[in-house]
Amino acid sequence: MHSGNTEKPQTMVDKYAFLDAMMLRLEALRADGRHVVLTGDINIAHTEWDIKNWKGNLKSAGFLPEERAYLDRLTTDAGFIDVHRALHGDGPGPYTWWSQRGKAFDNDAGWRIDYQLATEELAAKATSAQVDRAPSYDTRWSDHAPLVVSYS
């Protein structure tokens, strides 16, 4: 999902339109009784635990209340489980994205914006979740680290 940009309002309009379409599709799949997992770079940090500097990003795309409300709807009304959070538990991180600027990676000042959101039945089959974070900045191949979930 593209990240959006509060300084370019059309990008936010486009992001919300995509999120609306995504919600409809996920609800339709869920209504069919299928196992469903939404996975990838959602470009939204859901809670304060999902972003190191949440206070400094309250008005930033990716942490806007309107964006976070979509994840609230998915994890409450639609019954999807944030598999990584369910297995990791409450608390900060682990993050999946770090800015290329400054020493964000070295200081682990990241965002958790990559998810596996699964139907309850499928989430119950998850046995482990980990962020495959590179050991150092110079060994990274992306500004993201893969979220790896194993299911039984």
C-alpha atoms as a PDB file:
ATOM      1  CA  MET A   1       0.000   0.000   0.000  1.00  0.00           C
ATOM      2  CA  HIS A   2       1.396   3.408  -0.794  1.00  0.00           C
ATOM      3  CA  SER A   3       2.255   5.546   2.195  1.00  0.00           C
ATOM      4  CA  GLY A   4       0.304   8.708   1.433  1.00  0.00           C
ATOM      5  CA  ASN A   5       1.546  12.205   2.144  1.00  0.00           C
ATOM      6  CA  THR A   6      -0.261  14.827   4.212  1.00  0.00           C
ATOM      7  CA  GLU A   7       1.309  17.584   2.096  1.00  0.00           C
ATOM      8  CA  LYS A   8      -0.237  16.044  -1.032  1.00  0.00           C
ATOM      9  CA  PRO A   9      -3.915  15.574  -0.084  1.00  0.00           C
ATOM     10  CA  GLN A  10      -4.776  13.535  -3.194  1.00  0.00           C
ATOM     11  CA  THR A  11      -2.390  10.800  -2.027  1.00  0.00           C
ATOM     12  CA  MET A  12      -4.403  10.500   1.185  1.00  0.00           C
ATOM     13  CA  VAL A  13      -7.685  10.432  -0.756  1.00  0.00           C
ATOM     14  CA  ASP A  14      -6.236   7.617  -2.867  1.00  0.00           C
ATOM     15  CA  LYS A  15      -5.002   5.744   0.211  1.00  0.00           C
ATOM     16  CA  TYR A  16      -8.410   5.935   1.905  1.00  0.00           C
ATOM     17  CA  ALA A  17     -10.126   4.773  -1.298  1.00  0.00           C
ATOM     18  CA  PHE A  18      -7.788   1.788  -1.420  1.00  0.00           C
ATOM     19  CA  LEU A  19      -8.431   1.048   2.269  1.00  0.00           C
ATOM     20  CA  ASP A  20     -12.206   1.201   1.675  1.00  0.00           C
ATOM     21  CA  ALA A  21     -11.914  -1.266  -1.217  1.00  0.00           C
ATOM     22  CA  MET A  22      -9.631  -3.498   0.846  1.00  0.00           C
ATOM     23  CA  MET A  23     -12.151  -3.560   3.708  1.00  0.00           C
ATOM     24  CA  LEU A  24     -14.967  -4.584   1.365  1.00  0.00           C
ATOM     25  CA  ARG A  25     -12.873  -7.372  -0.152  1.00  0.00           C
ATOM     26  CA  LEU A  26     -11.754  -8.713   3.229  1.00  0.00           C
ATOM     27  CA  GLU A  27     -15.330  -8.670   4.538  1.00  0.00           C
ATOM     28  CA  ALA A  28     -16.514 -10.579   1.437  1.00  0.00           C
ATOM     29  CA  LEU A  29     -13.788 -13.201   1.832  1.00  0.00           C
ATOM     30  CA  ARG A  30     -14.565 -13.544   5.528  1.00  0.00           C
ATOM     31  CA  ALA A  31     -18.296 -13.911   4.798  1.00  0.00           C
ATOM     32  CA  ASP A  32     -17.484 -16.896   2.566  1.00  0.00           C
ATOM     33  CA  GLY A  33     -15.934 -18.608   5.596  1.00  0.00           C
ATOM     34  CA  ARG A  34     -12.466 -18.718   4.094  1.00  0.00           C
ATOM     35  CA  HIS A  35      -9.171 -18.579   5.931  1.00  0.00           C
ATOM     36  CA  VAL A  36      -7.817 -15.131   5.039  1.00  0.00           C
ATOM     37  CA  VAL A  37      -4.534 -13.404   5.732  1.00  0.00           C
ATOM     38  CA  LEU A  38      -3.721  -9.857   4.710  1.00  0.00           C
ATOM     39  CA  THR A  39       0.027  -9.559   4.600  1.00  0.00           C
ATOM     40  CA  GLY A  40       2.516  -6.952   3.550  1.00  0.00           C
ATOM     41  CA  ASP A  41       3.487  -3.345   3.947  1.00  0.00           C
ATOM     42  CA  ILE A  42       0.285  -1.676   5.109  1.00  0.00           C
ATOM     43  CA  ASN A  43       2.075   1.639   5.802  1.00  0.00           C
ATOM     44  CA  ILE A  44       0.107   2.270   8.992  1.00  0.00           C
ATOM     45  CA  ALA A  45       1.483   2.021  12.524  1.00  0.00           C
ATOM     46  CA  HIS A  46      -1.576   0.836  14.444  1.00  0.00           C
ATOM     47  CA  THR A  47      -0.781   1.802  18.038  1.00  0.00           C
ATOM     48  CA  GLU A  48       1.731   3.780  20.069  1.00  0.00           C
ATOM     49  CA  TRP A  49       3.650   0.511  20.540  1.00  0.00           C
ATOM     50  CA  ASP A  50       4.113   0.318  16.777  1.00  0.00           C
ATOM     51  CA  ILE A  51       6.191   3.460  16.347  1.00  0.00           C
ATOM     52  CA  LYS A  52       9.190   4.547  18.377  1.00  0.00           C
ATOM     53  CA  ASN A  53       8.489   8.294  18.161  1.00  0.00           C
ATOM     54  CA  TRP A  54       4.693   8.255  18.202  1.00  0.00           C
ATOM     55  CA  LYS A  55       4.361  11.690  19.831  1.00  0.00           C
ATOM     56  CA  GLY A  56       6.397  13.302  17.048  1.00  0.00           C
ATOM     57  CA  ASN A  57       4.322  11.604  14.339  1.00  0.00           C
ATOM     58  CA  LEU A  58       0.744  12.312  15.413  1.00  0.00           C
ATOM     59  CA  LYS A  59       0.174  14.340  12.235  1.00  0.00           C
ATOM     60  CA  SER A  60       2.260  12.148   9.917  1.00  0.00           C
ATOM     61  CA  ALA A  61       0.883   9.902   7.209  1.00  0.00           C
ATOM     62  CA  GLY A  62       1.072   6.369   8.509  1.00  0.00           C
ATOM     63  CA  PHE A  63       0.001   7.322  12.035  1.00  0.00           C
ATOM     64  CA  LEU A  64      -3.045   9.501  11.455  1.00  0.00           C
ATOM     65  CA  PRO A  65      -6.139   8.624  13.519  1.00  0.00           C
ATOM     66  CA  GLU A  66      -8.146   8.132  10.311  1.00  0.00           C
ATOM     67  CA  GLU A  67      -5.639   5.550   9.041  1.00  0.00           C
ATOM     68  CA  ARG A  68      -5.359   3.763  12.366  1.00  0.00           C
ATOM     69  CA  ALA A  69      -9.159   3.498  12.507  1.00  0.00           C
ATOM     70  CA  TYR A  70      -9.051   1.093   9.562  1.00  0.00           C
ATOM     71  CA  LEU A  71      -6.853  -1.273  11.561  1.00  0.00           C
ATOM     72  CA  ASP A  72      -9.165  -0.816  14.547  1.00  0.00           C
ATOM     73  CA  ARG A  73     -12.098  -1.879  12.350  1.00  0.00           C
ATOM     74  CA  LEU A  74     -10.201  -4.875  11.005  1.00  0.00           C
ATOM     75  CA  THR A  75      -9.133  -6.100  14.428  1.00  0.00           C
ATOM     76  CA  THR A  76     -12.441  -5.482  16.186  1.00  0.00           C
ATOM     77  CA  ASP A  77     -15.466  -5.331  13.891  1.00  0.00           C
ATOM     78  CA  ALA A  78     -14.115  -7.638  11.166  1.00  0.00           C
ATOM     79  CA  GLY A  79     -12.497 -10.085  13.603  1.00  0.00           C
ATOM     80  CA  PHE A  80      -9.016 -10.145  12.087  1.00  0.00           C
ATOM     81  CA  ILE A  81      -6.093 -10.892  14.399  1.00  0.00           C
ATOM     82  CA  ASP A  82      -2.776  -9.041  14.255  1.00  0.00           C
ATOM     83  CA  VAL A  83      -0.777 -12.273  14.352  1.00  0.00           C
ATOM     84  CA  HIS A  84       2.567 -10.692  15.164  1.00  0.00           C
ATOM     85  CA  ARG A  85       1.131  -8.671  18.075  1.00  0.00           C
ATOM     86  CA  ALA A  86      -0.822 -11.687  19.349  1.00  0.00           C
ATOM     87  CA  LEU A  87       2.359 -13.781  19.485  1.00  0.00           C
ATOM     88  CA  HIS A  88       4.734 -11.002  20.568  1.00  0.00           C
ATOM     89  CA  GLY A  89       2.449  -9.546  23.222  1.00  0.00           C
ATOM     90  CA  ASP A  90       2.047  -6.000  24.421  1.00  0.00           C
ATOM     91  CA  GLY A  91       4.965  -3.592  24.319  1.00  0.00           C
ATOM     92  CA  PRO A  92       7.029  -1.609  21.861  1.00  0.00           C
ATOM     93  CA  GLY A  93       8.018  -3.058  18.500  1.00  0.00           C
ATOM     94  CA  PRO A  94       9.520  -5.081  17.134  1.00  0.00           C
ATOM     95  CA  TYR A  95       9.665  -2.689  14.219  1.00  0.00           C
ATOM     96  CA  THR A  96       9.710  -3.622  10.535  1.00  0.00           C
ATOM     97  CA  TRP A  97      10.708  -0.312   8.898  1.00  0.00           C
ATOM     98  CA  TRP A  98      13.364   2.324   9.607  1.00  0.00           C
ATOM     99  CA  SER A  99      13.961   5.631   7.895  1.00  0.00           C
ATOM    100  CA  GLN A 100      17.068   5.877   5.733  1.00  0.00           C
ATOM    101  CA  ARG A 101      17.819   9.191   7.455  1.00  0.00           C
ATOM    102  CA  GLY A 102      19.939   9.615  10.542  1.00  0.00           C
ATOM    103  CA  LYS A 103      20.636   6.611  12.708  1.00  0.00           C
ATOM    104  CA  ALA A 104      17.074   5.291  12.848  1.00  0.00           C
ATOM    105  CA  PHE A 105      18.146   1.707  12.146  1.00  0.00           C
ATOM    106  CA  ASP A 106      21.085   1.796  14.552  1.00  0.00           C
ATOM    107  CA  ASN A 107      18.880   3.260  17.297  1.00  0.00           C
ATOM    108  CA  ASP A 108      15.941   0.983  16.462  1.00  0.00           C
ATOM    109  CA  ALA A 109      13.772   4.079  15.991  1.00  0.00           C
ATOM    110  CA  GLY A 110      11.369   2.329  13.658  1.00  0.00           C
ATOM    111  CA  TRP A 111       7.769   1.732  12.734  1.00  0.00           C
ATOM    112  CA  ARG A 112       5.860  -1.555  12.725  1.00  0.00           C
ATOM    113  CA  ILE A 113       3.979  -1.180   9.441  1.00  0.00           C
ATOM    114  CA  ASP A 114       4.275  -4.675   7.968  1.00  0.00           C
ATOM    115  CA  TYR A 115       1.577  -7.087   9.094  1.00  0.00           C
ATOM    116  CA  GLN A 116      -0.065 -10.440   8.877  1.00  0.00           C
ATOM    117  CA  LEU A 117      -3.711  -9.891   9.771  1.00  0.00           C
ATOM    118  CA  ALA A 118      -5.534 -13.207   9.774  1.00  0.00           C
ATOM    119  CA  THR A 119      -8.979 -14.570  10.433  1.00  0.00           C
ATOM    120  CA  GLU A 120      -9.291 -15.897  13.956  1.00  0.00           C
ATOM    121  CA  GLU A 121      -9.238 -19.543  12.899  1.00  0.00           C
ATOM    122  CA  LEU A 122      -6.078 -19.097  10.847  1.00  0.00           C
ATOM    123  CA  ALA A 123      -4.382 -16.894  13.452  1.00  0.00           C
ATOM    124  CA  ALA A 124      -4.888 -19.669  16.002  1.00  0.00           C
ATOM    125  CA  LYS A 125      -2.619 -21.849  13.844  1.00  0.00           C
ATOM    126  CA  ALA A 126       0.293 -19.373  14.046  1.00  0.00           C
ATOM    127  CA  THR A 127       3.180 -20.865  15.978  1.00  0.00           C
ATOM    128  CA  SER A 128       5.834 -18.153  15.704  1.00  0.00           C
ATOM    129  CA  ALA A 129       6.441 -14.670  14.370  1.00  0.00           C
ATOM    130  CA  GLN A 130       9.700 -12.816  13.990  1.00  0.00           C
ATOM    131  CA  VAL A 131      11.110  -9.788  12.245  1.00  0.00           C
ATOM    132  CA  ASP A 132      14.111 -10.843  10.169  1.00  0.00           C
ATOM    133  CA  ARG A 133      16.069  -7.672  10.935  1.00  0.00           C
ATOM    134  CA  ALA A 134      19.511  -7.336   9.388  1.00  0.00           C
ATOM    135  CA  PRO A 135      22.335  -7.427  11.936  1.00  0.00           C
ATOM    136  CA  SER A 136      23.652  -4.022  10.858  1.00  0.00           C
ATOM    137  CA  TYR A 137      22.773  -1.029   8.704  1.00  0.00           C
ATOM    138  CA  ASP A 138      25.335  -1.917   6.031  1.00  0.00           C
ATOM    139  CA  THR A 139      23.939  -5.451   5.600  1.00  0.00           C
ATOM    140  CA  ARG A 140      20.348  -4.338   4.973  1.00  0.00           C
ATOM    141  CA  TRP A 141      18.874  -4.856   1.536  1.00  0.00           C
ATOM    142  CA  SER A 142      15.773  -2.725   2.197  1.00  0.00           C
ATOM    143  CA  ASP A 143      14.417  -0.135   4.607  1.00  0.00           C
ATOM    144  CA  HIS A 144      11.967  -2.892   5.676  1.00  0.00           C
ATOM    145  CA  ALA A 145      12.663  -6.160   7.430  1.00  0.00           C
ATOM    146  CA  PRO A 146      10.516  -9.174   6.568  1.00  0.00           C
ATOM    147  CA  LEU A 147       7.874 -10.319   9.030  1.00  0.00           C
ATOM    148  CA  VAL A 148       8.013 -14.111   9.052  1.00  0.00           C
ATOM    149  CA  VAL A 149       5.099 -16.048  10.538  1.00  0.00           C
ATOM    150  CA  SER A 150       4.914 -19.826  10.745  1.00  0.00           C
ATOM    151  CA  TYR A 151       1.560 -21.616  10.811  1.00  0.00           C
ATOM    152  CA  SER A 152       0.890 -25.223  11.820  1.00  0.00           C
END
